[in-house]
Amino acid sequence: QVQLVESGGGLVQAGGSLSLSCAASGRVFSVNMLGWYRQGPGKQRDLVATITSDGLTNYADSVKGRFTISRSNAGKTLYLQMNSLKPEDTAVYLCYARMSTGFDSWGQGTQVTVSS
């Protein structure tokens, strides 16, 4: 199992930038994929971006060209650089890990609020 702790959320004006981090500990060597999801008020949890152990990335259409996912070489820290933020990006952002066993781990989330 992997433990995930997010940081870096906050309040920003529309058009601004924020950078999120997710520190992973535990069986990090067994992680196949890391990612970010988000859940807005009264909404379902949606994919934001993922990155595989091989470095392949995938983005939701709504964030392509604005957000960049990356990870440290050791795979112990996941990042999300968010630029040109919009009010609709307001949500709790959650870090996610898919293990080689198929088990999923989730962080507690960090709040991102974008004011108009």
Protein backbone atom coordinates (compact mmCIF):
# COMPACT_ATOMS: atom_id res chain seq x y z
CA GLN A 1 0.00 0.00 0.00
CA VAL A 2 1.01 3.61 -0.61
CA GLN A 3 0.29 6.64 1.53
CA LEU A 4 -0.33 9.92 -0.29
CA VAL A 5 -0.26 13.46 1.12
CA GLU A 6 -1.15 16.46 -1.03
CA SER A 7 -0.04 20.05 -0.54
CA GLY A 8 -0.02 23.34 -2.39
CA GLY A 9 -3.68 24.20 -2.72
CA GLY A 10 -5.07 27.64 -2.01
CA LEU A 11 -6.92 30.65 -3.34
CA VAL A 12 -5.93 32.27 -6.62
CA GLN A 13 -7.49 34.72 -9.04
CA ALA A 14 -8.62 33.61 -12.47
CA GLY A 15 -5.69 33.54 -14.87
CA GLY A 16 -3.26 32.74 -12.09
CA SER A 17 -1.16 29.68 -11.36
CA LEU A 18 -0.79 27.12 -8.59
CA SER A 19 1.46 24.13 -8.13
CA LEU A 20 0.32 21.02 -6.26
CA SER A 21 2.54 18.32 -4.81
CA CYS A 22 1.81 14.81 -3.59
CA ALA A 23 4.30 12.97 -1.39
CA ALA A 24 4.13 9.18 -1.68
CA SER A 25 5.46 6.76 0.92
CA GLY A 26 5.25 3.04 1.48
CA ARG A 27 5.39 0.54 -1.40
CA VAL A 28 6.20 3.18 -4.02
CA PHE A 29 8.09 0.63 -6.13
CA SER A 30 4.78 -1.15 -6.75
CA VAL A 31 3.05 1.89 -8.24
CA ASN A 32 2.13 1.60 -11.94
CA MET A 33 0.44 4.94 -12.32
CA LEU A 34 0.01 8.20 -10.42
CA GLY A 35 -2.56 10.84 -11.07
CA TRP A 36 -4.70 13.74 -10.02
CA TYR A 37 -8.47 13.78 -9.77
CA ARG A 38 -10.73 16.60 -8.67
CA GLN A 39 -14.16 16.90 -7.14
CA GLY A 40 -16.08 20.15 -7.26
CA PRO A 41 -18.97 21.05 -4.95
CA GLY A 42 -21.87 18.73 -5.66
CA LYS A 43 -20.02 17.07 -8.54
CA GLN A 44 -18.56 13.66 -9.21
CA ARG A 45 -14.85 12.93 -8.97
CA ASP A 46 -13.22 13.55 -12.37
CA LEU A 47 -9.87 12.69 -13.85
CA VAL A 48 -7.46 15.60 -14.26
CA ALA A 49 -4.22 13.92 -15.37
CA THR A 50 -2.25 10.72 -15.00
CA ILE A 51 1.35 9.63 -15.50
CA THR A 52 2.58 6.06 -15.80
CA SER A 53 5.78 4.57 -14.43
CA ASP A 54 7.12 4.89 -18.01
CA GLY A 55 6.35 8.60 -18.04
CA LEU A 56 3.35 8.50 -20.35
CA THR A 57 0.86 11.25 -19.56
CA ASN A 58 -2.86 11.67 -20.10
CA TYR A 59 -4.98 14.79 -19.54
CA ALA A 60 -8.64 15.63 -19.35
CA ASP A 61 -9.65 17.77 -22.33
CA SER A 62 -10.64 20.60 -19.99
CA VAL A 63 -7.07 21.05 -18.72
CA LYS A 64 -4.97 20.24 -21.80
CA GLY A 65 -2.51 23.02 -22.54
CA ARG A 66 -2.96 24.55 -19.09
CA PHE A 67 -1.94 21.83 -16.61
CA THR A 68 1.24 19.76 -16.54
CA ILE A 69 1.70 16.56 -14.55
CA SER A 70 5.17 15.36 -13.60
CA ARG A 71 6.90 13.23 -11.00
CA SER A 72 10.29 12.93 -9.35
CA ASN A 73 12.69 10.32 -10.75
CA ALA A 74 12.24 8.14 -7.68
CA GLY A 75 8.49 8.37 -8.13
CA LYS A 76 8.02 9.56 -4.58
CA THR A 77 6.66 13.00 -5.43
CA LEU A 78 3.94 13.86 -7.92
CA TYR A 79 3.38 17.39 -9.16
CA LEU A 80 0.64 19.28 -10.94
CA GLN A 81 1.46 22.69 -12.40
CA MET A 82 -1.75 24.57 -13.08
CA ASN A 83 -1.67 27.69 -15.26
CA SER A 84 -4.38 29.96 -16.64
CA LEU A 85 -6.72 28.84 -13.90
CA LYS A 86 -10.47 29.32 -14.33
CA PRO A 87 -13.25 29.50 -11.74
CA GLU A 88 -14.49 26.12 -12.99
CA ASP A 89 -11.19 24.60 -11.85
CA THR A 90 -12.33 25.15 -8.26
CA ALA A 91 -12.39 21.76 -6.56
CA VAL A 92 -10.72 19.47 -4.06
CA TYR A 93 -7.75 17.93 -5.87
CA LEU A 94 -6.88 14.37 -4.90
CA CYS A 95 -3.71 12.41 -5.53
CA TYR A 96 -4.17 8.84 -6.77
CA ALA A 97 -1.93 5.78 -7.13
CA ARG A 98 -2.69 2.56 -8.99
CA MET A 99 -0.67 -0.35 -7.65
CA SER A 100 0.60 -3.29 -9.71
CA THR A 101 -1.88 -5.41 -7.74
CA GLY A 102 -4.77 -3.29 -9.02
CA PHE A 103 -5.30 -1.69 -5.64
CA ASP A 104 -5.95 2.07 -5.63
CA SER A 105 -4.72 4.53 -3.00
CA TRP A 106 -6.04 8.06 -2.48
CA GLY A 107 -4.84 11.11 -0.63
CA GLN A 108 -7.06 13.29 1.53
CA GLY A 109 -7.15 16.10 -1.01
CA THR A 110 -6.22 19.76 -1.15
CA GLN A 111 -8.62 22.61 -1.87
CA VAL A 112 -8.09 24.81 -4.92
CA THR A 113 -10.30 27.88 -5.20
CA VAL A 114 -10.21 30.16 -8.24
CA SER A 115 -11.97 33.50 -7.88
CA SER A 116 -13.38 35.38 -10.85
